[in-house]
């Protein structure tokens, strides 16, 4: 699949047409919220603090052994797991602040081990602590956008040879391929009621954003959501999409990239685009005969 990924359009180029993972897929397959607040923060920890200090303040975990930290902003996932195993289990009478500390540790493990793993899968970035300060705010964030932006970035960097290993939320990629591409589907182990699709367990509160031409923001990562290139996935006839502008250099950003005035101005524009997400929905224009579209595509 990586060989078929086009970083300039964020689509898989197949022999018949383009397909991709959209916000609709993330919400339907995993129930992650689409329409919410963007998860964006600057790199620096709060003034007068460090990421290790913030980790200790919010979880009471103190990295000490050699190898538990990678640089100043990544902690070893296995060290968090070992620390959790040594803690008393949460019970009905456990104080709320203790429950919150456990929750933050589990969330860091989920972030680094499942949703946003790096190429090693061994460390988690401590910048995610910014979003774990107030646990009651977690339901307000657009987690589907956060997940999809990171997966797009990982696929882009792998497809242009920027990294040797592919990472990201691959359970999403796998289930999307099973759902969208019949040749990839395994034989089901269980027969479900055809009148009750499994995704019906969630309320799709983000349907209005599924086809939005919006930025996907993941802290400092920004990738474009391009539903106009895969209109057939939304039940429409595919027309010839507009040209795209592509800048390869933005894939070079990482945890050590400078946060200068130019980047902050760029992020201000992207946050404004997200606020206007309902005004940039992909629309069905003039219907293109399938022969004209296929001629353009090939």
Protein backbone atom coordinates (compact mmCIF):
# COMPACT_ATOMS: atom_id res chain seq x y z
CA UNK A 1 0.00 0.00 0.00
CA UNK A 2 2.83 2.41 0.78
CA UNK A 3 4.13 2.10 -2.79
CA UNK A 4 0.73 3.30 -4.03
CA UNK A 5 0.55 6.33 -1.71
CA UNK A 6 0.90 9.76 -3.34
CA UNK A 7 2.06 12.42 -0.84
CA UNK A 8 0.88 15.33 -2.98
CA UNK A 9 -2.76 14.14 -2.99
CA UNK A 10 -2.89 11.93 0.15
CA UNK A 11 -4.45 9.11 -1.85
CA UNK A 12 -3.61 5.58 -2.90
CA UNK A 13 -3.31 5.46 -6.69
CA UNK A 14 -4.84 2.21 -7.91
CA UNK A 15 -5.24 1.06 -11.49
CA UNK A 16 -8.89 2.18 -11.56
CA UNK A 17 -8.97 5.39 -9.50
CA UNK A 18 -7.84 7.10 -6.31
CA UNK A 19 -8.92 5.98 -2.85
CA UNK A 20 -7.97 7.15 0.62
CA UNK A 21 -8.77 7.04 4.31
CA UNK A 22 -11.10 9.93 5.14
CA UNK A 23 -12.50 11.42 8.31
CA UNK A 24 -15.66 9.46 7.62
CA UNK A 25 -13.71 6.19 7.83
CA UNK A 26 -12.06 7.13 11.12
CA UNK A 27 -15.35 8.01 12.80
CA UNK A 28 -17.32 5.08 11.41
CA UNK A 29 -14.65 2.43 12.05
CA UNK A 30 -13.38 3.60 15.44
CA UNK A 31 -15.91 6.11 16.75
CA UNK A 32 -13.31 8.87 17.18
CA UNK A 33 -14.74 12.37 17.22
CA UNK A 34 -14.33 14.44 14.04
CA UNK A 35 -15.94 17.78 14.78
CA UNK A 36 -14.16 19.26 17.78
CA UNK A 37 -11.31 21.42 18.98
CA UNK A 38 -7.95 21.03 17.19
CA UNK A 39 -5.10 19.46 19.13
CA UNK A 40 -2.33 21.97 18.63
CA UNK A 41 0.38 23.19 20.95
CA UNK A 42 3.82 24.73 20.74
CA UNK A 43 6.82 22.54 21.49
CA UNK A 44 7.92 24.15 24.74
CA UNK A 45 6.72 22.95 28.15
CA UNK A 46 5.21 25.58 30.47
CA UNK A 47 7.61 28.39 31.48
CA UNK A 48 10.12 27.29 34.11
CA UNK A 49 9.38 23.60 33.60
CA UNK A 50 10.61 20.66 31.50
CA UNK A 51 8.75 17.75 29.94
CA UNK A 52 10.16 15.40 32.57
CA UNK A 53 8.96 17.74 35.32
CA UNK A 54 5.50 17.83 33.73
CA UNK A 55 5.46 14.03 33.50
CA UNK A 56 6.26 13.74 37.20
CA UNK A 57 3.73 16.40 38.18
CA UNK A 58 0.87 14.79 36.25
CA UNK A 59 1.64 11.10 36.83
CA UNK A 60 4.15 10.90 39.74
CA UNK A 61 6.41 8.80 37.49
CA UNK A 62 10.08 9.83 37.76
CA UNK A 63 12.32 8.52 34.96
CA UNK A 64 15.58 7.39 36.50
CA UNK A 65 17.04 4.26 34.96
CA UNK A 66 19.30 4.52 31.95
CA UNK A 67 17.43 4.30 28.67
CA UNK A 68 14.06 5.40 30.05
CA UNK A 69 14.32 8.73 28.22
CA UNK A 70 15.18 9.53 24.63
CA UNK A 71 16.29 13.13 24.58
CA UNK A 72 14.23 15.50 26.73
CA UNK A 73 10.76 14.80 25.34
CA UNK A 74 10.31 11.03 24.88
CA UNK A 75 9.81 8.41 27.59
CA UNK A 76 10.09 4.65 27.27
CA UNK A 77 6.67 2.96 27.06
CA UNK A 78 7.83 -0.20 28.82
CA UNK A 79 8.99 1.92 31.79
CA UNK A 80 5.47 3.34 32.12
CA UNK A 81 3.99 -0.17 31.95
CA UNK A 82 6.33 -1.45 34.65
CA UNK A 83 5.54 1.52 36.88
CA UNK A 84 1.78 0.92 36.47
CA UNK A 85 2.14 -2.76 37.35
CA UNK A 86 3.72 -1.80 40.68
CA UNK A 87 0.91 0.59 41.64
CA UNK A 88 -2.11 -0.38 43.70
CA UNK A 89 -5.08 -1.11 41.43
CA UNK A 90 -7.86 1.46 41.13
CA UNK A 91 -10.90 0.57 43.20
CA UNK A 92 -14.24 2.18 44.04
CA UNK A 93 -12.76 4.08 46.97
CA UNK A 94 -9.62 5.31 45.19
CA UNK A 95 -9.16 9.08 45.37
CA UNK A 96 -9.86 11.00 42.17
CA UNK A 97 -6.35 12.42 41.81
CA UNK A 98 -4.92 8.90 41.92
CA UNK A 99 -7.42 7.78 39.26
CA UNK A 100 -6.40 10.75 37.11
CA UNK A 101 -2.71 9.84 37.36
CA UNK A 102 -3.45 6.26 36.32
CA UNK A 103 -5.55 7.53 33.43
CA UNK A 104 -2.75 9.76 32.14
CA UNK A 105 -0.29 6.89 32.22
CA UNK A 106 -2.65 4.61 30.33
CA UNK A 107 -3.35 7.35 27.79
CA UNK A 108 0.38 7.85 27.17
CA UNK A 109 0.77 4.12 26.58
CA UNK A 110 -2.15 4.12 24.13
CA UNK A 111 -0.75 7.18 22.33
CA UNK A 112 2.75 5.80 21.95
CA UNK A 113 1.89 2.14 21.48
CA UNK A 114 -1.24 2.26 19.31
CA UNK A 115 -2.39 5.62 17.95
CA UNK A 116 0.87 7.52 17.38
CA UNK A 117 3.80 5.09 17.52
CA UNK A 118 7.15 6.16 16.15
CA UNK A 119 9.29 3.88 13.98
CA UNK A 120 10.74 2.08 17.03
CA UNK A 121 7.45 1.73 18.89
CA UNK A 122 9.40 2.02 22.14
CA UNK A 123 8.91 5.67 23.16
CA UNK A 124 6.05 8.14 23.47
CA UNK A 125 6.33 11.88 23.02
CA UNK A 126 5.68 13.86 26.21
CA UNK A 127 4.14 16.76 24.31
CA UNK A 128 0.87 14.83 24.53
CA UNK A 129 0.81 15.70 28.24
CA UNK A 130 -0.53 19.13 27.25
CA UNK A 131 -3.84 17.47 26.33
CA UNK A 132 -3.91 15.31 29.48
CA UNK A 133 -3.76 18.18 31.98
CA UNK A 134 -7.56 18.48 32.08
CA UNK A 135 -9.02 15.03 31.51
CA UNK A 136 -12.58 16.33 31.36
CA UNK A 137 -11.64 18.20 28.15
CA UNK A 138 -10.66 15.04 26.25
CA UNK A 139 -14.14 14.61 24.81
CA UNK A 140 -14.02 18.06 23.20
CA UNK A 141 -11.05 17.35 20.91
CA UNK A 142 -11.16 16.19 17.28
CA UNK A 143 -9.31 12.90 17.82
CA UNK A 144 -10.16 11.59 14.36
CA UNK A 145 -8.31 14.55 12.82
CA UNK A 146 -5.39 14.00 15.22
CA UNK A 147 -5.09 10.31 14.26
CA UNK A 148 -5.52 10.82 10.52
CA UNK A 149 -2.98 13.66 10.34
CA UNK A 150 -0.33 11.48 11.96
CA UNK A 151 -1.09 8.50 9.71
CA UNK A 152 -0.97 10.72 6.60
CA UNK A 153 2.40 12.12 7.68
CA UNK A 154 3.82 8.65 8.32
CA UNK A 155 2.66 7.38 4.92
CA UNK A 156 4.03 10.48 3.20
CA UNK A 157 7.46 10.23 4.79
CA UNK A 158 7.67 6.51 4.01
CA UNK A 159 6.58 6.99 0.40
CA UNK A 160 9.25 9.62 -0.35
CA UNK A 161 12.01 7.67 1.37
CA UNK A 162 12.39 10.01 4.35
CA UNK A 163 12.31 7.05 6.76
CA UNK A 164 13.11 3.36 6.48
CA UNK A 165 10.18 2.08 8.58
CA UNK A 166 6.47 2.85 8.41
CA UNK A 167 4.56 3.75 11.57
CA UNK A 168 1.20 5.20 12.53
CA UNK A 169 -2.19 3.77 13.51
CA UNK A 170 -2.02 0.73 11.25
CA UNK A 171 -5.14 -0.89 12.69
CA UNK A 172 -7.04 1.93 10.97
CA UNK A 173 -5.28 1.28 7.66
CA UNK A 174 -5.91 -2.44 7.90
CA UNK A 175 -9.61 -2.19 8.76
CA UNK A 176 -10.12 0.51 6.13
CA UNK A 177 -8.59 -1.78 3.48
CA UNK A 178 -10.82 -4.67 4.58
CA UNK A 179 -13.88 -2.43 4.43
CA UNK A 180 -13.16 -0.62 1.17
CA UNK A 181 -11.31 -3.24 -0.89
CA UNK A 182 -13.05 -6.58 -1.27
CA UNK A 183 -9.93 -8.55 -2.37
CA UNK A 184 -8.32 -7.68 0.98
CA UNK A 185 -11.23 -8.88 3.11
CA UNK A 186 -10.58 -11.98 5.21
CA UNK A 187 -13.31 -14.52 5.82
CA UNK A 188 -15.44 -13.19 8.73
CA UNK A 189 -15.22 -15.22 11.92
CA UNK A 190 -18.66 -14.04 13.10
CA UNK A 191 -21.89 -13.37 11.22
CA UNK A 192 -23.37 -10.00 12.17
CA UNK A 193 -26.94 -8.87 11.70
CA UNK A 194 -26.86 -7.16 8.30
CA UNK A 195 -29.47 -4.68 9.49
CA UNK A 196 -27.24 -3.50 12.34
CA UNK A 197 -23.77 -2.49 11.13
CA UNK A 198 -21.17 -2.50 13.89
CA UNK A 199 -20.57 1.23 13.54
CA UNK A 200 -24.17 1.95 14.63
CA UNK A 201 -23.02 1.78 18.26
CA UNK A 202 -21.72 5.36 17.95
CA UNK A 203 -23.47 8.61 17.18
CA UNK A 204 -21.88 10.15 14.09
CA UNK A 205 -21.76 13.71 15.34
CA UNK A 206 -19.10 14.66 12.79
CA UNK A 207 -21.01 13.85 9.59
CA UNK A 208 -20.98 17.50 8.57
CA UNK A 209 -17.16 17.47 8.43
CA UNK A 210 -16.63 14.14 6.67
CA UNK A 211 -16.29 15.76 3.24
CA UNK A 212 -14.59 18.97 4.37
CA UNK A 213 -11.52 20.23 2.50
CA UNK A 214 -9.84 21.03 5.81
CA UNK A 215 -6.40 20.81 7.43
CA UNK A 216 -5.63 17.80 9.60
CA UNK A 217 -3.68 19.09 12.61
CA UNK A 218 -1.54 16.99 14.94
CA UNK A 219 0.38 19.36 17.26
CA UNK A 220 2.79 20.76 14.61
CA UNK A 221 1.84 18.39 11.76
CA UNK A 222 -0.53 19.72 9.10
CA UNK A 223 -1.82 17.51 6.28
CA UNK A 224 -4.65 18.30 3.89
CA UNK A 225 -7.89 16.31 3.80
CA UNK A 226 -8.84 15.98 0.10
CA UNK A 227 -12.29 14.38 -0.18
CA UNK A 228 -12.86 15.93 -3.61
CA UNK A 229 -10.52 13.29 -5.06
CA UNK A 230 -12.54 10.33 -3.71
CA UNK A 231 -16.15 11.47 -4.13
CA UNK A 232 -17.26 7.93 -4.91
CA UNK A 233 -16.49 6.99 -1.30
CA UNK A 234 -19.24 9.45 -0.30
CA UNK A 235 -21.73 8.10 -2.84
CA UNK A 236 -21.15 10.72 -5.55
CA UNK A 237 -19.96 10.48 -9.14
CA UNK A 238 -16.27 11.29 -9.34
CA UNK A 239 -15.36 14.41 -11.31
CA UNK A 240 -11.90 15.58 -12.32
CA UNK A 241 -10.45 17.16 -9.16
CA UNK A 242 -8.61 20.48 -9.11
CA UNK A 243 -4.83 20.66 -9.17
CA UNK A 244 -2.99 20.53 -5.86
CA UNK A 245 -0.03 22.46 -4.53
CA UNK A 246 2.58 20.32 -2.85
CA UNK A 247 5.59 21.24 -0.73
CA UNK A 248 7.93 18.36 0.12
CA UNK A 249 9.90 20.32 2.69
CA UNK A 250 7.13 20.25 5.29
CA UNK A 251 7.74 16.51 5.79
CA UNK A 252 11.14 17.40 7.21
CA UNK A 253 9.64 18.89 10.38
CA UNK A 254 10.23 16.92 13.58
CA UNK A 255 10.49 17.50 17.32
CA UNK A 256 13.69 19.49 16.88
CA UNK A 257 12.45 21.86 14.16
CA UNK A 258 12.47 25.57 15.00
CA UNK A 259 9.26 27.27 16.06
CA UNK A 260 9.82 30.64 14.40
CA UNK A 261 7.51 33.49 13.44
CA UNK A 262 7.02 32.04 9.95
CA UNK A 263 5.82 28.71 11.34
CA UNK A 264 3.53 30.36 13.90
CA UNK A 265 1.98 32.49 11.14
CA UNK A 266 1.49 29.32 9.06
CA UNK A 267 -0.21 27.56 11.98
CA UNK A 268 -2.48 30.57 12.57
CA UNK A 269 -3.71 30.23 8.98
CA UNK A 270 -4.31 26.47 9.41
CA UNK A 271 -6.23 26.96 12.65
CA UNK A 272 -8.42 29.54 10.89
CA UNK A 273 -9.04 27.04 8.09
CA UNK A 274 -10.14 24.49 10.68
CA UNK A 275 -12.53 26.96 12.27
CA UNK A 276 -14.07 27.40 8.80
CA UNK A 277 -14.26 23.64 8.14
CA UNK A 278 -18.02 23.63 7.50
CA UNK A 279 -17.56 26.23 4.77
CA UNK A 280 -15.16 24.13 2.70
CA UNK A 281 -17.16 20.99 2.00
CA UNK A 282 -16.37 19.11 -1.19
CA UNK A 283 -19.14 19.82 -3.68
CA UNK A 284 -20.25 17.85 -6.69
CA UNK A 285 -19.62 20.01 -9.73
CA UNK A 286 -20.33 19.24 -13.37
CA UNK A 287 -20.64 15.53 -13.87
CA UNK A 288 -17.68 14.17 -15.80
CA UNK A 289 -18.25 11.24 -18.17
CA UNK A 290 -16.39 8.23 -16.81
CA UNK A 291 -14.35 8.03 -20.03
CA UNK A 292 -13.09 11.61 -19.55
CA UNK A 293 -12.21 10.97 -15.91
CA UNK A 294 -10.33 7.75 -16.70
CA UNK A 295 -8.49 9.47 -19.53
CA UNK A 296 -7.44 12.23 -17.14
CA UNK A 297 -6.53 9.76 -14.40
CA UNK A 298 -4.30 7.61 -16.58
